[in-house]
């Protein structure tokens, strides 16, 4: 099959793989979901913790604990629409009068409006470790509102300044890191368009996500995710997969929800996977 004949399918495949890392929440630092395992700080650039400097409202002292984390980010690309569904944990801790959020992730799913399969390993998902950060907690009409600011975080790359350093494009750049441990540069997404057309792409990525959520009567938090992540294809198993695609978050915030459900601190990724259906809504499909 000629390159010209395969081009549209390759563009769709690449667009899907480029979206496979759009996890807003994004990954566990270890297989057991231990929130104390922060991993190599050089992998994320280890940005300093943001502080709010404001007194906490009444009721905020009840926030600390472990929450099972579910979020969806909806994207539109040049050739497809897609959803990235992420599962993990958000740990809130009270530190020096502030609520510090430490997010980790376990596994993820992908859905699109195209017959394309995207696989992103648990190891790659768990390599995403956003920097712990102070959240802003406010109260309005008796309801607590939690706002997590963006903390740019490198995955598959070591960035001295994660917010501003440009992503490298050379797979031999010394800043590129095999964060999923599969022997390839960056982190790997496996894509299948047809049985005859499949392969891997290797990515360097800057995770940039934030959320706004409100506490419910049952102690859970619900809200929406804002994702502004960026990434580059730094290699592929087939050169035809190296062409990038353009994508943006779908503007309807209802398509990018976040749900945090209180669980015991002992929960790990294995327990979360086993309890997924009891905790969270059915996996959504592209419906716009």
Protein backbone atom coordinates (compact mmCIF):
# COMPACT_ATOMS: atom_id res chain seq x y z
CA UNK A 1 0.00 0.00 0.00
CA UNK A 2 1.40 3.37 -0.99
CA UNK A 3 2.18 6.10 1.56
CA UNK A 4 -0.35 8.37 -0.14
CA UNK A 5 -3.06 5.75 0.16
CA UNK A 6 -2.32 5.18 3.85
CA UNK A 7 -2.01 8.84 4.82
CA UNK A 8 -5.58 9.50 6.07
CA UNK A 9 -5.53 6.44 8.27
CA UNK A 10 -2.09 7.32 9.58
CA UNK A 11 -3.31 10.82 10.45
CA UNK A 12 -6.25 9.36 12.38
CA UNK A 13 -3.99 6.87 14.14
CA UNK A 14 -1.51 9.54 15.14
CA UNK A 15 -4.25 11.86 16.36
CA UNK A 16 -5.58 9.07 18.57
CA UNK A 17 -2.18 8.29 20.01
CA UNK A 18 -1.44 11.94 20.64
CA UNK A 19 -4.56 12.03 22.77
CA UNK A 20 -3.78 8.87 24.69
CA UNK A 21 -1.68 10.78 27.21
CA UNK A 22 -4.25 13.45 27.94
CA UNK A 23 -4.79 12.06 31.41
CA UNK A 24 -5.92 14.82 33.87
CA UNK A 25 -5.21 13.06 36.69
CA UNK A 26 -3.91 11.62 34.78
CA UNK A 27 -0.88 8.33 37.41
CA UNK A 28 0.25 6.37 40.42
CA UNK A 29 3.86 6.80 41.42
CA UNK A 30 3.90 3.12 42.35
CA UNK A 31 1.83 0.04 41.60
CA UNK A 32 0.21 0.12 45.04
CA UNK A 33 -0.99 3.70 44.74
CA UNK A 34 1.11 4.82 47.75
CA UNK A 35 0.72 8.58 47.87
CA UNK A 36 4.10 8.92 49.59
CA UNK A 37 5.93 7.53 46.56
CA UNK A 38 6.81 10.62 44.59
CA UNK A 39 9.38 9.02 42.35
CA UNK A 40 12.32 10.87 40.75
CA UNK A 41 11.69 14.57 41.14
CA UNK A 42 13.83 15.28 38.09
CA UNK A 43 11.21 13.58 35.93
CA UNK A 44 8.70 16.28 36.71
CA UNK A 45 11.00 19.25 37.18
CA UNK A 46 9.94 19.31 40.88
CA UNK A 47 8.21 22.68 40.84
CA UNK A 48 7.70 24.43 44.18
CA UNK A 49 4.37 24.03 45.98
CA UNK A 50 1.83 26.78 45.37
CA UNK A 51 0.22 28.31 48.45
CA UNK A 52 -3.07 30.09 48.85
CA UNK A 53 -2.23 32.24 51.88
CA UNK A 54 -5.94 32.43 52.85
CA UNK A 55 -7.66 31.07 55.96
CA UNK A 56 -9.66 27.90 55.39
CA UNK A 57 -13.45 28.16 55.67
CA UNK A 58 -15.44 26.17 58.20
CA UNK A 59 -15.79 22.55 57.17
CA UNK A 60 -12.51 22.42 55.23
CA UNK A 61 -10.89 20.51 58.07
CA UNK A 62 -13.02 17.54 56.99
CA UNK A 63 -11.47 17.42 53.51
CA UNK A 64 -8.19 15.59 54.29
CA UNK A 65 -8.14 11.94 53.26
CA UNK A 66 -7.81 9.70 50.21
CA UNK A 67 -10.27 10.03 47.35
CA UNK A 68 -10.79 7.64 44.45
CA UNK A 69 -10.26 9.84 41.39
CA UNK A 70 -12.19 9.61 38.10
CA UNK A 71 -11.99 12.21 35.38
CA UNK A 72 -12.77 12.52 31.70
CA UNK A 73 -11.21 14.93 29.21
CA UNK A 74 -12.98 15.40 25.89
CA UNK A 75 -10.98 16.47 22.83
CA UNK A 76 -11.61 17.38 19.23
CA UNK A 77 -8.86 16.84 16.68
CA UNK A 78 -8.47 17.33 12.95
CA UNK A 79 -9.68 13.80 12.24
CA UNK A 80 -11.48 12.57 15.30
CA UNK A 81 -13.22 13.21 18.61
CA UNK A 82 -11.93 11.42 21.68
CA UNK A 83 -12.33 10.89 25.41
CA UNK A 84 -9.52 10.07 27.84
CA UNK A 85 -10.82 8.52 31.07
CA UNK A 86 -8.36 8.47 33.99
CA UNK A 87 -8.49 6.61 37.30
CA UNK A 88 -6.33 7.11 40.37
CA UNK A 89 -6.23 8.85 43.74
CA UNK A 90 -6.30 12.36 45.10
CA UNK A 91 -4.89 12.69 48.61
CA UNK A 92 -5.70 15.82 50.59
CA UNK A 93 -3.58 16.64 53.64
CA UNK A 94 -3.69 19.59 56.02
CA UNK A 95 -0.21 21.15 56.12
CA UNK A 96 0.53 24.44 57.88
CA UNK A 97 -3.06 25.57 57.57
CA UNK A 98 -3.45 24.65 53.90
CA UNK A 99 -4.99 21.71 52.05
CA UNK A 100 -2.29 20.07 49.93
CA UNK A 101 -3.42 17.90 47.02
CA UNK A 102 -1.24 14.99 45.89
CA UNK A 103 -2.62 13.35 42.73
CA UNK A 104 -1.57 9.95 41.43
CA UNK A 105 -2.99 7.70 38.73
CA UNK A 106 -3.46 3.99 38.14
CA UNK A 107 -4.93 3.23 34.72
CA UNK A 108 -6.81 4.87 31.86
CA UNK A 109 -9.20 4.24 28.98
CA UNK A 110 -9.72 5.78 25.54
CA UNK A 111 -12.89 6.23 23.50
CA UNK A 112 -13.28 7.89 20.11
CA UNK A 113 -15.67 8.31 17.21
CA UNK A 114 -13.29 6.34 14.96
CA UNK A 115 -12.64 2.57 14.86
CA UNK A 116 -9.21 3.06 16.43
CA UNK A 117 -7.71 1.23 19.42
CA UNK A 118 -5.27 3.09 21.67
CA UNK A 119 -3.42 1.30 24.44
CA UNK A 120 -1.50 3.17 27.10
CA UNK A 121 0.16 0.90 29.64
CA UNK A 122 -0.43 1.17 33.36
CA UNK A 123 3.31 1.83 33.72
CA UNK A 124 3.03 4.85 31.42
CA UNK A 125 -0.10 6.09 33.20
CA UNK A 126 1.54 5.66 36.60
CA UNK A 127 4.59 7.64 35.45
CA UNK A 128 2.49 10.82 35.52
CA UNK A 129 3.03 12.48 38.90
CA UNK A 130 1.72 16.05 39.12
CA UNK A 131 3.51 18.19 41.67
CA UNK A 132 1.71 18.30 45.06
CA UNK A 133 0.03 21.68 45.36
CA UNK A 134 -2.10 23.73 47.75
CA UNK A 135 -5.71 23.94 46.62
CA UNK A 136 -7.90 26.97 47.17
CA UNK A 137 -10.89 26.15 49.36
CA UNK A 138 -13.81 28.56 49.56
CA UNK A 139 -17.38 28.40 50.82
CA UNK A 140 -20.48 29.66 49.04
CA UNK A 141 -24.02 29.20 50.34
CA UNK A 142 -22.83 26.46 52.66
CA UNK A 143 -21.02 24.51 49.91
CA UNK A 144 -17.25 24.02 49.86
CA UNK A 145 -15.53 24.74 46.55
CA UNK A 146 -12.09 23.29 45.81
CA UNK A 147 -9.89 24.74 43.07
CA UNK A 148 -6.69 22.97 42.00
CA UNK A 149 -4.27 25.17 40.04
CA UNK A 150 -2.30 23.89 37.07
CA UNK A 151 1.15 22.44 37.82
CA UNK A 152 3.02 21.78 34.54
CA UNK A 153 4.68 18.37 34.81
CA UNK A 154 6.98 16.57 32.38
CA UNK A 155 6.42 12.95 31.38
CA UNK A 156 8.99 11.16 29.25
CA UNK A 157 11.24 14.19 29.66
CA UNK A 158 13.24 15.97 32.38
CA UNK A 159 12.57 19.71 32.28
CA UNK A 160 14.41 22.16 34.52
CA UNK A 161 11.53 24.60 34.12
CA UNK A 162 8.43 22.45 33.46
CA UNK A 163 6.26 25.49 32.79
CA UNK A 164 8.45 27.17 30.18
CA UNK A 165 11.12 24.85 28.73
CA UNK A 166 10.25 23.83 25.15
CA UNK A 167 9.68 20.12 24.66
CA UNK A 168 12.61 18.39 22.91
CA UNK A 169 12.05 16.98 19.44
CA UNK A 170 15.18 14.81 19.18
CA UNK A 171 14.83 11.29 20.65
CA UNK A 172 18.56 11.47 21.47
CA UNK A 173 18.14 14.63 23.53
CA UNK A 174 19.62 13.80 26.97
CA UNK A 175 16.49 15.17 28.65
CA UNK A 176 14.34 12.41 27.15
CA UNK A 177 13.53 9.73 29.73
CA UNK A 178 12.07 6.24 29.39
CA UNK A 179 9.51 6.84 32.12
CA UNK A 180 7.46 3.71 31.40
CA UNK A 181 10.55 1.48 31.36
CA UNK A 182 9.85 -0.25 28.04
CA UNK A 183 13.21 0.51 26.42
CA UNK A 184 11.85 3.22 24.10
CA UNK A 185 12.33 6.99 24.42
CA UNK A 186 9.66 8.92 26.31
CA UNK A 187 6.42 7.05 26.96
CA UNK A 188 4.77 4.70 24.50
CA UNK A 189 1.26 4.58 23.05
CA UNK A 190 0.24 1.58 20.93
CA UNK A 191 -2.33 2.27 18.24
CA UNK A 192 -4.31 -0.02 15.95
CA UNK A 193 -6.29 1.31 13.00
CA UNK A 194 -6.77 -2.01 11.21
CA UNK A 195 -5.20 -5.44 11.76
CA UNK A 196 -2.74 -4.50 9.03
CA UNK A 197 -2.06 -0.99 10.31
CA UNK A 198 -0.74 -0.70 13.85
CA UNK A 199 2.34 0.50 15.65
CA UNK A 200 3.82 2.51 18.47
CA UNK A 201 4.58 6.17 18.94
CA UNK A 202 6.95 7.58 21.56
CA UNK A 203 5.96 10.79 23.29
CA UNK A 204 7.40 13.61 25.36
CA UNK A 205 4.64 15.43 27.17
CA UNK A 206 3.89 18.36 29.44
CA UNK A 207 0.86 17.62 31.63
CA UNK A 208 -1.08 20.78 32.49
CA UNK A 209 -4.41 20.21 34.22
CA UNK A 210 -6.55 21.99 36.77
CA UNK A 211 -10.01 21.42 38.19
CA UNK A 212 -12.89 23.08 40.00
CA UNK A 213 -15.04 20.90 42.24
CA UNK A 214 -17.76 21.23 44.88
CA UNK A 215 -18.27 18.99 47.90
CA UNK A 216 -21.55 17.08 47.96
CA UNK A 217 -23.64 16.00 50.95
CA UNK A 218 -22.13 12.49 50.83
CA UNK A 219 -18.57 13.87 51.08
CA UNK A 220 -17.69 13.35 47.43
CA UNK A 221 -16.54 16.18 45.17
CA UNK A 222 -17.82 16.79 41.65
CA UNK A 223 -16.73 19.32 39.08
CA UNK A 224 -14.93 19.84 35.78
CA UNK A 225 -11.39 19.56 34.44
CA UNK A 226 -9.47 22.14 32.44
CA UNK A 227 -6.64 20.58 30.42
CA UNK A 228 -4.00 22.51 28.50
CA UNK A 229 -1.40 19.76 28.07
CA UNK A 230 1.00 19.55 25.15
CA UNK A 231 3.17 16.84 23.67
CA UNK A 232 5.44 15.91 20.80
CA UNK A 233 5.99 12.66 18.91
CA UNK A 234 9.71 11.97 19.30
CA UNK A 235 9.74 8.66 17.46
CA UNK A 236 7.65 5.79 16.15
CA UNK A 237 7.93 2.15 15.21
CA UNK A 238 6.97 3.23 11.66
CA UNK A 239 8.05 6.67 10.33
CA UNK A 240 4.56 7.10 8.90
CA UNK A 241 3.24 7.50 12.45
CA UNK A 242 5.50 10.44 13.28
CA UNK A 243 3.24 13.14 11.82
CA UNK A 244 1.43 15.03 14.56
CA UNK A 245 -2.19 16.07 14.77
CA UNK A 246 -3.93 19.13 16.18
CA UNK A 247 -6.37 18.78 19.07
CA UNK A 248 -8.08 20.94 21.67
CA UNK A 249 -10.29 20.30 24.66
CA UNK A 250 -13.96 20.27 23.72
CA UNK A 251 -15.50 23.54 24.98
CA UNK A 252 -18.50 22.02 26.78
CA UNK A 253 -17.25 21.55 30.39
CA UNK A 254 -19.93 18.92 31.03
CA UNK A 255 -17.99 16.57 28.75
CA UNK A 256 -14.90 16.80 31.02
CA UNK A 257 -16.14 15.88 34.50
CA UNK A 258 -14.18 14.97 37.63
CA UNK A 259 -15.49 12.84 40.50
CA UNK A 260 -13.62 12.31 43.80
CA UNK A 261 -15.06 9.73 46.22
CA UNK A 262 -13.72 9.28 49.77
CA UNK A 263 -12.06 5.90 50.36
CA UNK A 264 -9.77 4.47 53.01
CA UNK A 265 -6.10 5.44 52.94
CA UNK A 266 -5.25 1.75 52.46
CA UNK A 267 -6.77 1.62 48.97
CA UNK A 268 -4.32 0.91 46.15
CA UNK A 269 -4.56 0.60 42.37
CA UNK A 270 -5.58 -3.05 42.50
CA UNK A 271 -8.47 -2.28 44.85
CA UNK A 272 -9.49 0.69 42.72
CA UNK A 273 -9.64 -1.44 39.57
CA UNK A 274 -11.73 -4.07 41.38
CA UNK A 275 -14.18 -1.44 42.68
CA UNK A 276 -14.34 0.66 39.51
CA UNK A 277 -17.87 -0.29 38.50
CA UNK A 278 -19.27 0.16 42.01
CA UNK A 279 -17.73 3.63 42.41
CA UNK A 280 -17.95 5.38 39.06
CA UNK A 281 -20.35 5.89 36.15
CA UNK A 282 -20.19 3.59 33.11
CA UNK A 283 -17.37 4.41 30.70
CA UNK A 284 -18.68 7.28 28.53
CA UNK A 285 -18.77 7.29 24.75
CA UNK A 286 -18.29 10.16 22.31
CA UNK A 287 -21.80 11.58 21.88
CA UNK A 288 -21.37 14.97 20.26
